[in-house]
């Protein structure tokens, strides 16, 4: 999950910047999760100022401007629950014993 509003706003600004050239149909998102081992961010799709049920997971490029068509790379999910199932599977792929030990530390 994203730790604070400032971090969420930063991901959102970067996403809006990267898609401003029309590279993706989703022009805005409300980020709620950031993958720790890469630059993937998940958020609810925002359409005409309304937060939708759909979730988009994108790999930010941090290019500093609009991206070419197809970037940032995106996965789309119909709901938070569909995304969560995928996130659990992805977590199992990268979360080894060392990462689990970090979670146990006070």
N, C-alpha and C. Protein backbone atom coordinates (compact mmCIF):
# COMPACT_ATOMS: atom_id res chain seq x y z
N UNK A 1 0.82 -1.18 0.00
CA UNK A 1 0.00 0.00 0.00
C UNK A 1 0.87 1.25 0.00
N UNK A 2 0.29 2.35 -0.38
CA UNK A 2 1.01 3.62 -0.42
C UNK A 2 0.92 4.25 0.97
N UNK A 3 2.09 4.66 1.49
CA UNK A 3 2.19 5.08 2.88
C UNK A 3 1.52 6.42 3.19
N UNK A 4 1.51 7.36 2.23
CA UNK A 4 0.97 8.68 2.56
C UNK A 4 0.39 9.38 1.33
N UNK A 5 -0.35 10.45 1.59
CA UNK A 5 -1.02 11.18 0.51
C UNK A 5 -0.02 11.83 -0.45
N UNK A 6 1.10 12.29 0.08
CA UNK A 6 2.11 12.94 -0.76
C UNK A 6 2.66 11.96 -1.80
N UNK A 7 2.94 10.73 -1.37
CA UNK A 7 3.45 9.71 -2.28
C UNK A 7 2.39 9.38 -3.34
N UNK A 8 1.15 9.24 -2.90
CA UNK A 8 0.06 8.95 -3.83
C UNK A 8 -0.08 10.06 -4.86
N UNK A 9 -0.02 11.30 -4.41
CA UNK A 9 -0.14 12.44 -5.33
C UNK A 9 1.01 12.47 -6.33
N UNK A 10 2.21 12.09 -5.89
CA UNK A 10 3.36 12.04 -6.79
C UNK A 10 3.19 10.99 -7.88
N UNK A 11 2.72 9.81 -7.50
CA UNK A 11 2.46 8.77 -8.50
C UNK A 11 1.39 9.23 -9.48
N UNK A 12 0.37 9.87 -8.95
CA UNK A 12 -0.73 10.34 -9.81
C UNK A 12 -0.23 11.39 -10.80
N UNK A 13 0.56 12.34 -10.33
CA UNK A 13 1.11 13.38 -11.22
C UNK A 13 1.95 12.75 -12.33
N UNK A 14 2.79 11.79 -11.96
CA UNK A 14 3.65 11.14 -12.95
C UNK A 14 2.82 10.38 -13.98
N UNK A 15 1.80 9.68 -13.51
CA UNK A 15 0.93 8.94 -14.43
C UNK A 15 0.25 9.89 -15.41
N UNK A 16 -0.36 10.95 -14.90
CA UNK A 16 -1.07 11.91 -15.76
C UNK A 16 -0.10 12.51 -16.78
N UNK A 17 1.13 12.80 -16.37
CA UNK A 17 2.14 13.33 -17.27
C UNK A 17 2.47 12.32 -18.37
N UNK A 18 2.70 11.08 -17.99
CA UNK A 18 3.09 10.06 -18.96
C UNK A 18 1.99 9.75 -19.97
N UNK A 19 0.73 9.83 -19.58
CA UNK A 19 -0.37 9.51 -20.51
C UNK A 19 -0.94 10.76 -21.18
N UNK A 20 -0.38 11.93 -20.91
CA UNK A 20 -0.92 13.18 -21.45
C UNK A 20 -0.87 13.25 -22.97
N UNK A 21 -0.03 12.46 -23.60
CA UNK A 21 0.05 12.44 -25.06
C UNK A 21 -0.93 11.48 -25.69
N UNK A 22 -1.75 10.81 -24.88
CA UNK A 22 -2.74 9.89 -25.42
C UNK A 22 -2.26 8.46 -25.54
N UNK A 23 -1.17 8.11 -24.85
CA UNK A 23 -0.62 6.76 -24.96
C UNK A 23 -1.53 5.69 -24.38
N UNK A 24 -2.38 6.05 -23.41
CA UNK A 24 -3.35 5.12 -22.83
C UNK A 24 -4.72 5.81 -22.78
N UNK A 25 -5.80 5.03 -22.89
CA UNK A 25 -7.13 5.65 -22.84
C UNK A 25 -7.50 6.18 -21.45
N UNK A 26 -6.95 5.60 -20.40
CA UNK A 26 -7.23 6.05 -19.04
C UNK A 26 -6.33 7.26 -18.75
N UNK A 27 -6.94 8.43 -18.60
CA UNK A 27 -6.19 9.68 -18.45
C UNK A 27 -5.84 10.03 -17.02
N UNK A 28 -6.48 9.35 -16.05
CA UNK A 28 -6.24 9.69 -14.65
C UNK A 28 -6.47 8.44 -13.80
N UNK A 29 -5.83 8.42 -12.66
CA UNK A 29 -5.98 7.31 -11.72
C UNK A 29 -5.82 7.82 -10.30
N UNK A 30 -6.37 7.07 -9.34
CA UNK A 30 -6.21 7.37 -7.92
C UNK A 30 -5.39 6.24 -7.32
N UNK A 31 -4.07 6.43 -7.20
CA UNK A 31 -3.19 5.35 -6.74
C UNK A 31 -3.49 4.91 -5.31
N UNK A 32 -3.40 3.58 -5.07
CA UNK A 32 -3.56 3.05 -3.72
C UNK A 32 -2.49 2.03 -3.35
N UNK A 33 -1.72 1.55 -4.32
CA UNK A 33 -0.70 0.55 -4.01
C UNK A 33 0.53 0.74 -4.90
N UNK A 34 1.68 0.43 -4.33
CA UNK A 34 2.96 0.52 -5.03
C UNK A 34 3.73 -0.76 -4.76
N UNK A 35 4.17 -1.41 -5.80
CA UNK A 35 4.95 -2.64 -5.63
C UNK A 35 6.36 -2.28 -5.20
N UNK A 36 6.87 -2.94 -4.18
CA UNK A 36 8.15 -2.58 -3.58
C UNK A 36 9.36 -2.92 -4.44
N UNK A 37 9.24 -3.92 -5.30
CA UNK A 37 10.41 -4.38 -6.05
C UNK A 37 10.51 -3.80 -7.46
N UNK A 38 9.61 -2.90 -7.83
CA UNK A 38 9.67 -2.27 -9.16
C UNK A 38 8.82 -1.00 -9.15
N UNK A 39 8.66 -0.39 -10.29
CA UNK A 39 7.93 0.88 -10.38
C UNK A 39 6.46 0.71 -10.74
N UNK A 40 5.86 -0.41 -10.35
CA UNK A 40 4.44 -0.65 -10.63
C UNK A 40 3.57 0.04 -9.58
N UNK A 41 2.53 0.68 -10.07
CA UNK A 41 1.58 1.39 -9.21
C UNK A 41 0.18 0.96 -9.63
N UNK A 42 -0.69 0.70 -8.65
CA UNK A 42 -2.08 0.36 -8.93
C UNK A 42 -2.98 1.47 -8.41
N UNK A 43 -4.05 1.70 -9.15
CA UNK A 43 -5.00 2.72 -8.72
C UNK A 43 -6.34 2.56 -9.39
N UNK A 44 -7.33 3.18 -8.78
CA UNK A 44 -8.66 3.18 -9.39
C UNK A 44 -8.66 4.13 -10.58
N UNK A 45 -9.30 3.73 -11.65
CA UNK A 45 -9.44 4.60 -12.82
C UNK A 45 -10.34 5.77 -12.45
N UNK A 46 -9.92 6.97 -12.83
CA UNK A 46 -10.72 8.17 -12.65
C UNK A 46 -11.16 8.63 -14.03
N UNK A 47 -12.46 8.75 -14.23
CA UNK A 47 -13.02 9.13 -15.52
C UNK A 47 -13.96 10.32 -15.33
N UNK A 48 -13.63 11.43 -15.98
CA UNK A 48 -14.42 12.66 -15.83
C UNK A 48 -14.61 13.05 -14.37
N UNK A 49 -13.54 12.91 -13.58
CA UNK A 49 -13.57 13.30 -12.18
C UNK A 49 -14.21 12.29 -11.24
N UNK A 50 -14.70 11.17 -11.77
CA UNK A 50 -15.33 10.14 -10.94
C UNK A 50 -14.42 8.93 -10.79
N UNK A 51 -14.26 8.49 -9.55
CA UNK A 51 -13.47 7.28 -9.29
C UNK A 51 -14.33 6.08 -9.66
N UNK A 52 -13.79 5.23 -10.51
CA UNK A 52 -14.52 4.05 -11.00
C UNK A 52 -14.11 2.81 -10.22
N UNK A 53 -14.84 1.72 -10.43
CA UNK A 53 -14.53 0.44 -9.80
C UNK A 53 -13.30 -0.21 -10.43
N UNK A 54 -13.06 0.07 -11.70
CA UNK A 54 -11.95 -0.53 -12.43
C UNK A 54 -10.61 -0.09 -11.84
N UNK A 55 -9.64 -0.99 -11.92
CA UNK A 55 -8.29 -0.73 -11.43
C UNK A 55 -7.32 -0.86 -12.60
N UNK A 56 -6.35 0.03 -12.64
CA UNK A 56 -5.28 -0.07 -13.61
C UNK A 56 -3.97 -0.19 -12.85
N UNK A 57 -3.12 -1.10 -13.31
CA UNK A 57 -1.78 -1.27 -12.72
C UNK A 57 -0.80 -0.89 -13.82
N UNK A 58 0.05 0.06 -13.53
CA UNK A 58 0.95 0.57 -14.55
C UNK A 58 2.39 0.52 -14.07
N UNK A 59 3.30 0.46 -15.04
CA UNK A 59 4.73 0.50 -14.76
C UNK A 59 5.22 1.88 -15.20
N UNK A 60 5.38 2.78 -14.24
CA UNK A 60 5.83 4.13 -14.56
C UNK A 60 7.23 4.11 -15.15
N UNK A 61 7.48 5.00 -16.12
CA UNK A 61 8.80 5.06 -16.76
C UNK A 61 9.66 6.20 -16.22
N UNK A 62 9.04 7.19 -15.61
CA UNK A 62 9.73 8.38 -15.11
C UNK A 62 10.53 9.06 -16.21
N UNK A 63 9.96 9.08 -17.39
CA UNK A 63 10.59 9.72 -18.55
C UNK A 63 10.57 11.24 -18.42
N UNK A 64 9.63 11.76 -17.68
CA UNK A 64 9.54 13.20 -17.50
C UNK A 64 8.68 13.89 -18.54
N UNK A 65 7.90 13.12 -19.28
CA UNK A 65 7.03 13.69 -20.30
C UNK A 65 6.10 12.64 -20.85
N UNK A 66 5.32 13.02 -21.87
CA UNK A 66 4.39 12.07 -22.47
C UNK A 66 5.11 10.86 -23.06
N UNK A 67 4.49 9.72 -22.93
CA UNK A 67 5.05 8.48 -23.45
C UNK A 67 4.51 8.16 -24.84
N UNK A 68 5.19 7.23 -25.50
CA UNK A 68 4.74 6.74 -26.80
C UNK A 68 3.60 5.76 -26.59
N UNK A 69 2.78 5.51 -27.61
CA UNK A 69 1.67 4.55 -27.46
C UNK A 69 2.15 3.21 -26.90
N UNK A 70 1.38 2.70 -25.95
CA UNK A 70 1.73 1.43 -25.31
C UNK A 70 2.49 1.58 -24.00
N UNK A 71 2.91 2.81 -23.70
CA UNK A 71 3.63 3.08 -22.46
C UNK A 71 2.93 4.19 -21.71
N UNK A 72 2.94 4.18 -20.42
CA UNK A 72 3.49 3.12 -19.58
C UNK A 72 2.71 1.81 -19.78
N UNK A 73 3.41 0.71 -19.54
CA UNK A 73 2.75 -0.59 -19.66
C UNK A 73 1.64 -0.67 -18.63
N UNK A 74 0.52 -1.29 -19.02
CA UNK A 74 -0.65 -1.31 -18.15
C UNK A 74 -1.34 -2.67 -18.15
N UNK A 75 -1.87 -3.01 -16.98
CA UNK A 75 -2.77 -4.16 -16.83
C UNK A 75 -4.07 -3.58 -16.30
N UNK A 76 -5.17 -4.11 -16.80
CA UNK A 76 -6.48 -3.61 -16.39
C UNK A 76 -7.26 -4.69 -15.67
N UNK A 77 -7.99 -4.28 -14.63
CA UNK A 77 -8.79 -5.20 -13.83
C UNK A 77 -10.19 -4.59 -13.66
N UNK A 78 -11.20 -5.45 -13.68
CA UNK A 78 -12.58 -4.97 -13.56
C UNK A 78 -12.90 -4.44 -12.17
N UNK A 79 -12.17 -4.93 -11.15
CA UNK A 79 -12.47 -4.53 -9.78
C UNK A 79 -11.23 -4.62 -8.90
N UNK A 80 -11.34 -4.04 -7.72
CA UNK A 80 -10.26 -4.14 -6.73
C UNK A 80 -9.98 -5.60 -6.40
N UNK A 81 -11.02 -6.41 -6.27
CA UNK A 81 -10.86 -7.81 -5.87
C UNK A 81 -10.13 -8.61 -6.94
N UNK A 82 -10.41 -8.31 -8.20
CA UNK A 82 -9.68 -8.97 -9.30
C UNK A 82 -8.21 -8.58 -9.24
N UNK A 83 -7.93 -7.29 -9.01
CA UNK A 83 -6.55 -6.84 -8.89
C UNK A 83 -5.87 -7.50 -7.70
N UNK A 84 -6.56 -7.58 -6.56
CA UNK A 84 -5.97 -8.15 -5.35
C UNK A 84 -5.53 -9.59 -5.56
N UNK A 85 -6.32 -10.39 -6.24
CA UNK A 85 -5.93 -11.77 -6.55
C UNK A 85 -4.61 -11.79 -7.32
N UNK A 86 -4.49 -10.92 -8.29
CA UNK A 86 -3.26 -10.83 -9.08
C UNK A 86 -2.09 -10.36 -8.22
N UNK A 87 -2.34 -9.39 -7.34
CA UNK A 87 -1.29 -8.85 -6.48
C UNK A 87 -0.76 -9.91 -5.52
N UNK A 88 -1.64 -10.75 -5.02
CA UNK A 88 -1.20 -11.83 -4.12
C UNK A 88 -0.29 -12.80 -4.87
N UNK A 89 -0.67 -13.17 -6.07
CA UNK A 89 0.17 -14.05 -6.88
C UNK A 89 1.52 -13.40 -7.18
N UNK A 90 1.52 -12.12 -7.54
CA UNK A 90 2.77 -11.40 -7.81
C UNK A 90 3.64 -11.33 -6.57
N UNK A 91 3.04 -11.11 -5.41
CA UNK A 91 3.80 -11.03 -4.16
C UNK A 91 4.50 -12.34 -3.85
N UNK A 92 3.84 -13.43 -4.11
CA UNK A 92 4.43 -14.75 -3.87
C UNK A 92 5.66 -14.95 -4.76
N UNK A 93 5.67 -14.34 -5.94
CA UNK A 93 6.80 -14.48 -6.86
C UNK A 93 8.06 -13.79 -6.37
N UNK A 94 7.93 -12.64 -5.71
CA UNK A 94 9.11 -11.88 -5.32
C UNK A 94 9.39 -11.90 -3.83
N UNK A 95 8.45 -12.29 -3.00
CA UNK A 95 8.61 -12.21 -1.55
C UNK A 95 9.24 -13.50 -1.02
N UNK A 96 10.54 -13.45 -0.78
CA UNK A 96 11.26 -14.60 -0.26
C UNK A 96 11.41 -14.55 1.25
N UNK A 97 12.22 -15.43 1.77
CA UNK A 97 12.44 -15.52 3.22
C UNK A 97 12.98 -14.22 3.81
N UNK A 98 13.88 -13.56 3.09
CA UNK A 98 14.46 -12.31 3.59
C UNK A 98 13.39 -11.22 3.75
N UNK A 99 12.52 -11.09 2.76
CA UNK A 99 11.45 -10.09 2.85
C UNK A 99 10.47 -10.43 3.97
N UNK A 100 10.18 -11.71 4.15
CA UNK A 100 9.29 -12.12 5.23
C UNK A 100 9.90 -11.81 6.59
N UNK A 101 11.21 -12.00 6.72
CA UNK A 101 11.89 -11.69 7.98
C UNK A 101 11.78 -10.20 8.29
N UNK A 102 11.86 -9.35 7.25
CA UNK A 102 11.71 -7.90 7.46
C UNK A 102 10.34 -7.56 8.03
N UNK A 103 9.33 -8.29 7.64
CA UNK A 103 7.98 -8.04 8.15
C UNK A 103 7.84 -8.40 9.62
N UNK A 104 8.65 -9.35 10.08
CA UNK A 104 8.56 -9.81 11.46
C UNK A 104 9.30 -8.90 12.44
N UNK A 105 10.25 -8.10 11.92
CA UNK A 105 11.02 -7.23 12.80
C UNK A 105 10.13 -6.14 13.37
N UNK A 106 10.39 -5.75 14.65
CA UNK A 106 9.58 -4.69 15.28
C UNK A 106 9.79 -3.34 14.66
